[in-house]
C-alpha atoms as a PDB file:
ATOM      1  CA  LEU A   1     -10.107  10.757 -20.207  1.00  0.00           C
ATOM      2  CA  GLU A   2     -10.057   7.042 -19.702  1.00  0.00           C
ATOM      3  CA  SER A   3      -6.750   7.258 -17.694  1.00  0.00           C
ATOM      4  CA  ALA A   4      -8.478   9.625 -15.202  1.00  0.00           C
ATOM      5  CA  PHE A   5     -11.411   7.221 -14.528  1.00  0.00           C
ATOM      6  CA  PRO A   6      -9.411   5.287 -11.745  1.00  0.00           C
ATOM      7  CA  ALA A   7      -8.540   8.475 -10.035  1.00  0.00           C
ATOM      8  CA  ARG A   8     -12.202   9.396  -9.928  1.00  0.00           C
ATOM      9  CA  LEU A   9     -13.159   5.901  -8.783  1.00  0.00           C
ATOM     10  CA  ALA A  10     -10.660   6.216  -6.111  1.00  0.00           C
ATOM     11  CA  MET A  11     -12.164   9.815  -5.028  1.00  0.00           C
ATOM     12  CA  GLN A  12     -15.599   8.140  -4.924  1.00  0.00           C
ATOM     13  CA  ARG A  13     -14.246   5.330  -2.674  1.00  0.00           C
ATOM     14  CA  ASP A  14     -12.641   7.933  -0.362  1.00  0.00           C
ATOM     15  CA  LEU A  15     -15.954   9.805  -0.020  1.00  0.00           C
ATOM     16  CA  SER A  16     -17.879   6.615   0.755  1.00  0.00           C
ATOM     17  CA  LEU A  17     -15.916   5.999   3.903  1.00  0.00           C
ATOM     18  CA  SER A  18     -17.276   7.319   7.110  1.00  0.00           C
ATOM     19  CA  PRO A  19     -15.289   7.767  10.378  1.00  0.00           C
ATOM     20  CA  GLU A  20     -17.062   4.684  11.850  1.00  0.00           C
ATOM     21  CA  LYS A  21     -15.818   2.301   9.192  1.00  0.00           C
ATOM     22  CA  GLU A  22     -12.534   0.735   9.354  1.00  0.00           C
ATOM     23  CA  LEU A  23     -10.022   1.954   6.642  1.00  0.00           C
ATOM     24  CA  PRO A  24      -9.067  -0.555   3.853  1.00  0.00           C
ATOM     25  CA  PRO A  25      -5.698  -1.809   3.883  1.00  0.00           C
ATOM     26  CA  TRP A  26      -4.516   0.516   1.107  1.00  0.00           C
ATOM     27  CA  LYS A  27      -5.429   3.568   3.211  1.00  0.00           C
ATOM     28  CA  ARG A  28      -3.941   2.430   6.559  1.00  0.00           C
ATOM     29  CA  ARG A  29      -0.993   4.293   7.750  1.00  0.00           C
ATOM     30  CA  LYS A  30       1.839   2.218   9.406  1.00  0.00           C
ATOM     31  CA  ILE A  31       2.514   3.504  12.962  1.00  0.00           C
ATOM     32  CA  GLN A  32       5.981   2.944  14.209  1.00  0.00           C
ATOM     33  CA  THR A  33       5.649   1.353  17.624  1.00  0.00           C
ATOM     34  CA  GLN A  34       8.322  -0.136  19.734  1.00  0.00           C
ATOM     35  CA  SER A  35       7.576  -3.556  20.846  1.00  0.00           C
ATOM     36  CA  LEU A  36       9.800  -6.191  22.396  1.00  0.00           C
ATOM     37  CA  GLN A  37      10.182  -9.218  20.045  1.00  0.00           C
ATOM     38  CA  ILE A  38      12.107 -12.207  21.548  1.00  0.00           C
ATOM     39  CA  VAL A  39      13.490 -14.769  18.978  1.00  0.00           C
ATOM     40  CA  GLY A  40      15.148 -17.892  20.265  1.00  0.00           C
ATOM     41  CA  LEU A  41      17.387 -20.180  17.890  1.00  0.00           C
ATOM     42  CA  THR A  42      17.921 -23.646  18.718  1.00  0.00           C
ATOM     43  CA  GLY A  43      19.430 -26.417  16.787  1.00  0.00           C
ATOM     44  CA  THR A  44      22.285 -28.949  16.365  1.00  0.00           C
ATOM     45  CA  ILE A  45      25.934 -28.007  15.531  1.00  0.00           C
ATOM     46  CA  GLY A  46      26.036 -26.682  11.927  1.00  0.00           C
ATOM     47  CA  SER A  47      22.238 -26.282  11.514  1.00  0.00           C
ATOM     48  CA  GLY A  48      22.578 -22.524  10.766  1.00  0.00           C
ATOM     49  CA  LYS A  49      21.881 -20.875  13.948  1.00  0.00           C
ATOM     50  CA  GLY A  50      24.868 -18.385  13.447  1.00  0.00           C
ATOM     51  CA  THR A  51      23.564 -17.647   9.962  1.00  0.00           C
ATOM     52  CA  ALA A  52      20.125 -16.919  11.112  1.00  0.00           C
ATOM     53  CA  ALA A  53      21.362 -14.777  13.970  1.00  0.00           C
ATOM     54  CA  GLU A  54      23.503 -12.800  11.455  1.00  0.00           C
ATOM     55  CA  PHE A  55      20.272 -12.172   9.184  1.00  0.00           C
ATOM     56  CA  LEU A  56      18.262 -11.132  12.297  1.00  0.00           C
ATOM     57  CA  VAL A  57      21.109  -8.722  13.443  1.00  0.00           C
ATOM     58  CA  ALA A  58      21.137  -7.287   9.840  1.00  0.00           C
ATOM     59  CA  GLN A  59      17.193  -6.716  10.289  1.00  0.00           C
ATOM     60  CA  GLY A  60      17.794  -4.681  13.608  1.00  0.00           C
ATOM     61  CA  PHE A  61      17.578  -7.319  16.363  1.00  0.00           C
ATOM     62  CA  GLN A  62      19.975  -7.354  19.082  1.00  0.00           C
ATOM     63  CA  HIS A  63      22.055 -10.687  19.482  1.00  0.00           C
ATOM     64  CA  VAL A  64      22.375 -11.949  23.022  1.00  0.00           C
ATOM     65  CA  ARG A  65      24.120 -15.258  23.460  1.00  0.00           C
ATOM     66  CA  ILE A  66      22.833 -17.240  26.524  1.00  0.00           C
ATOM     67  CA  ARG A  67      26.297 -18.625  26.964  1.00  0.00           C
ATOM     68  CA  ASP A  68      27.763 -15.164  27.608  1.00  0.00           C
ATOM     69  CA  VAL A  69      25.045 -14.251  29.912  1.00  0.00           C
ATOM     70  CA  LEU A  70      25.453 -17.471  32.044  1.00  0.00           C
ATOM     71  CA  ALA A  71      29.301 -16.881  32.074  1.00  0.00           C
ATOM     72  CA  GLN A  72      28.773 -13.403  33.398  1.00  0.00           C
ATOM     73  CA  ALA A  73      26.353 -14.633  36.090  1.00  0.00           C
ATOM     74  CA  VAL A  74      28.824 -17.278  37.251  1.00  0.00           C
ATOM     75  CA  GLU A  75      31.623 -14.821  37.545  1.00  0.00           C
ATOM     76  CA  GLN A  76      29.447 -12.317  39.521  1.00  0.00           C
ATOM     77  CA  SER A  77      28.611 -15.270  41.849  1.00  0.00           C
ATOM     78  CA  GLY A  78      32.409 -15.852  42.494  1.00  0.00           C
ATOM     79  CA  GLY A  79      32.404 -19.150  40.589  1.00  0.00           C
ATOM     80  CA  THR A  80      34.589 -20.021  37.559  1.00  0.00           C
ATOM     81  CA  SER A  81      33.292 -20.124  34.019  1.00  0.00           C
END
């Protein structure tokens, strides 16, 4: 019977919430939304930018090297890279 007490307390907590009140953190559902997050990595040679970029790619980020973007822009404008 003692093990059922927390469940009863949780039920009472559920009933005490009204729609006007904000839900407590343990009751909130995480809603998947797509948002644009831009992370810039800067640092000197050997500071770990590549390692940090590999970690972010593993977390689902897209890796864009500004060097590649600039080289493509120069080629498109007729210059040399």
